[in-house]
C-alpha atoms as a PDB file:
ATOM      1  CA  MET A   1       0.000   0.000   0.000  1.00  0.00           C
ATOM      2  CA  GLY A   2       1.142   3.517  -0.740  1.00  0.00           C
ATOM      3  CA  LYS A   3       1.670   6.294   1.781  1.00  0.00           C
ATOM      4  CA  LYS A   4      -1.347   8.295   0.602  1.00  0.00           C
ATOM      5  CA  LEU A   5      -3.691   5.302   0.758  1.00  0.00           C
ATOM      6  CA  THR A   6      -2.459   4.372   4.231  1.00  0.00           C
ATOM      7  CA  ALA A   7      -2.952   7.960   5.430  1.00  0.00           C
ATOM      8  CA  ALA A   8      -6.483   8.020   3.943  1.00  0.00           C
ATOM      9  CA  GLN A   9      -7.408   4.745   5.660  1.00  0.00           C
ATOM     10  CA  GLU A  10      -6.242   6.101   9.018  1.00  0.00           C
ATOM     11  CA  LYS A  11      -8.705   9.003   8.703  1.00  0.00           C
ATOM     12  CA  ILE A  12     -11.726   6.664   8.513  1.00  0.00           C
ATOM     13  CA  GLU A  13     -13.013   4.781  11.559  1.00  0.00           C
ATOM     14  CA  PRO A  14     -14.388   1.275  10.858  1.00  0.00           C
ATOM     15  CA  ARG A  15     -18.046   1.850  11.870  1.00  0.00           C
ATOM     16  CA  PHE A  16     -21.452   2.470  10.299  1.00  0.00           C
ATOM     17  CA  TYR A  17     -21.984   5.957   8.888  1.00  0.00           C
ATOM     18  CA  GLY A  18     -25.096   7.858   7.864  1.00  0.00           C
ATOM     19  CA  LEU A  19     -25.219   8.984   4.230  1.00  0.00           C
ATOM     20  CA  LYS A  20     -24.206  12.614   4.816  1.00  0.00           C
ATOM     21  CA  GLU A  21     -21.534  11.601   7.294  1.00  0.00           C
ATOM     22  CA  ALA A  22     -20.137   9.004   4.867  1.00  0.00           C
ATOM     23  CA  VAL A  23     -19.929  11.535   2.030  1.00  0.00           C
ATOM     24  CA  GLU A  24     -18.013  13.944   4.263  1.00  0.00           C
ATOM     25  CA  ALA A  25     -15.642  11.166   5.370  1.00  0.00           C
ATOM     26  CA  VAL A  26     -14.945  10.179   1.757  1.00  0.00           C
ATOM     27  CA  LYS A  27     -14.259  13.800   0.801  1.00  0.00           C
ATOM     28  CA  GLN A  28     -11.828  14.211   3.703  1.00  0.00           C
ATOM     29  CA  ALA A  29      -9.986  10.999   2.809  1.00  0.00           C
ATOM     30  CA  ALA A  30      -9.576  11.924  -0.888  1.00  0.00           C
ATOM     31  CA  PHE A  31      -5.947  11.902  -1.952  1.00  0.00           C
ATOM     32  CA  ALA A  32      -5.806  11.661  -5.749  1.00  0.00           C
ATOM     33  CA  LYS A  33      -4.877  14.595  -7.980  1.00  0.00           C
ATOM     34  CA  TYR A  34      -7.937  14.098 -10.189  1.00  0.00           C
ATOM     35  CA  ASP A  35     -11.715  14.004  -9.683  1.00  0.00           C
ATOM     36  CA  GLU A  36     -12.365  10.740  -7.893  1.00  0.00           C
ATOM     37  CA  SER A  37     -15.574   8.733  -8.139  1.00  0.00           C
ATOM     38  CA  VAL A  38     -17.404   6.760  -5.469  1.00  0.00           C
ATOM     39  CA  ASP A  39     -19.447   3.581  -5.909  1.00  0.00           C
ATOM     40  CA  LEU A  40     -22.438   2.963  -3.673  1.00  0.00           C
ATOM     41  CA  ALA A  41     -23.881  -0.466  -2.878  1.00  0.00           C
ATOM     42  CA  ILE A  42     -27.152  -0.767  -0.971  1.00  0.00           C
ATOM     43  CA  ARG A  43     -28.474  -3.967   0.558  1.00  0.00           C
ATOM     44  CA  LEU A  44     -32.252  -3.937   0.125  1.00  0.00           C
ATOM     45  CA  GLY A  45     -32.983  -7.296   1.730  1.00  0.00           C
ATOM     46  CA  ILE A  46     -35.040  -8.597  -1.188  1.00  0.00           C
ATOM     47  CA  ASP A  47     -34.929 -11.701  -3.365  1.00  0.00           C
ATOM     48  CA  PRO A  48     -34.254 -10.581  -6.970  1.00  0.00           C
ATOM     49  CA  LYS A  49     -35.381 -13.976  -8.283  1.00  0.00           C
ATOM     50  CA  ARG A  50     -38.961 -13.174  -7.284  1.00  0.00           C
ATOM     51  CA  SER A  51     -40.703 -10.986  -9.845  1.00  0.00           C
ATOM     52  CA  ASP A  52     -42.734  -9.078  -7.254  1.00  0.00           C
ATOM     53  CA  GLN A  53     -39.530  -7.986  -5.471  1.00  0.00           C
ATOM     54  CA  MET A  54     -37.523  -6.747  -8.464  1.00  0.00           C
ATOM     55  CA  VAL A  55     -36.249  -3.192  -8.229  1.00  0.00           C
ATOM     56  CA  ARG A  56     -35.876  -1.169 -11.401  1.00  0.00           C
ATOM     57  CA  GLY A  57     -35.709   2.526 -11.882  1.00  0.00           C
ATOM     58  CA  THR A  58     -33.665   5.592 -12.599  1.00  0.00           C
ATOM     59  CA  THR A  59     -32.901   8.775 -10.765  1.00  0.00           C
ATOM     60  CA  ALA A  60     -32.087  12.278 -11.896  1.00  0.00           C
ATOM     61  CA  LEU A  61     -29.008  13.760 -10.294  1.00  0.00           C
ATOM     62  CA  PRO A  62     -29.449  17.310  -8.975  1.00  0.00           C
ATOM     63  CA  HIS A  63     -26.516  18.696 -10.969  1.00  0.00           C
ATOM     64  CA  GLY A  64     -26.581  16.232 -13.865  1.00  0.00           C
ATOM     65  CA  THR A  65     -23.746  13.882 -14.748  1.00  0.00           C
ATOM     66  CA  GLY A  66     -21.388  16.623 -15.852  1.00  0.00           C
ATOM     67  CA  LYS A  67     -21.269  15.253 -19.372  1.00  0.00           C
ATOM     68  CA  LYS A  68     -22.401  17.369 -22.306  1.00  0.00           C
ATOM     69  CA  LEU A  69     -25.022  15.584 -24.392  1.00  0.00           C
ATOM     70  CA  ARG A  70     -24.615  15.539 -28.173  1.00  0.00           C
ATOM     71  CA  VAL A  71     -27.273  14.372 -30.594  1.00  0.00           C
ATOM     72  CA  LEU A  72     -26.780  13.672 -34.292  1.00  0.00           C
ATOM     73  CA  VAL A  73     -29.830  14.120 -36.528  1.00  0.00           C
ATOM     74  CA  PHE A  74     -30.141  13.341 -40.233  1.00  0.00           C
ATOM     75  CA  ALA A  75     -33.014  15.513 -41.462  1.00  0.00           C
ATOM     76  CA  LYS A  76     -33.958  18.127 -44.062  1.00  0.00           C
ATOM     77  CA  GLY A  77     -36.375  21.015 -44.188  1.00  0.00           C
ATOM     78  CA  GLU A  78     -38.986  21.290 -41.485  1.00  0.00           C
ATOM     79  CA  LYS A  79     -37.647  18.329 -39.504  1.00  0.00           C
ATOM     80  CA  GLU A  80     -34.190  19.961 -39.483  1.00  0.00           C
ATOM     81  CA  GLN A  81     -35.605  23.101 -37.848  1.00  0.00           C
ATOM     82  CA  GLU A  82     -37.558  20.992 -35.374  1.00  0.00           C
ATOM     83  CA  ALA A  83     -34.381  19.108 -34.420  1.00  0.00           C
ATOM     84  CA  ARG A  84     -32.417  22.349 -33.929  1.00  0.00           C
ATOM     85  CA  GLN A  85     -35.100  23.715 -31.598  1.00  0.00           C
ATOM     86  CA  ALA A  86     -35.186  20.546 -29.498  1.00  0.00           C
END
């Protein structure tokens, strides 16, 4: 293990954290020179093999994903103007 990773691990106590508290702890332990990402796993206590317990859905992030969306449209005339306005 590197020095930075060891120092980051020492900042975090091994216990259960609330969501806001966990986000703050991760931000304080950040050590990379680039924008880091965080993965989140949630145990829902369901059986995904049962169709009535399947979880599917999406969520909108409050500030988006940070990626600029580009759309390519092949159109002429009125449809071209409609695509530009969209």
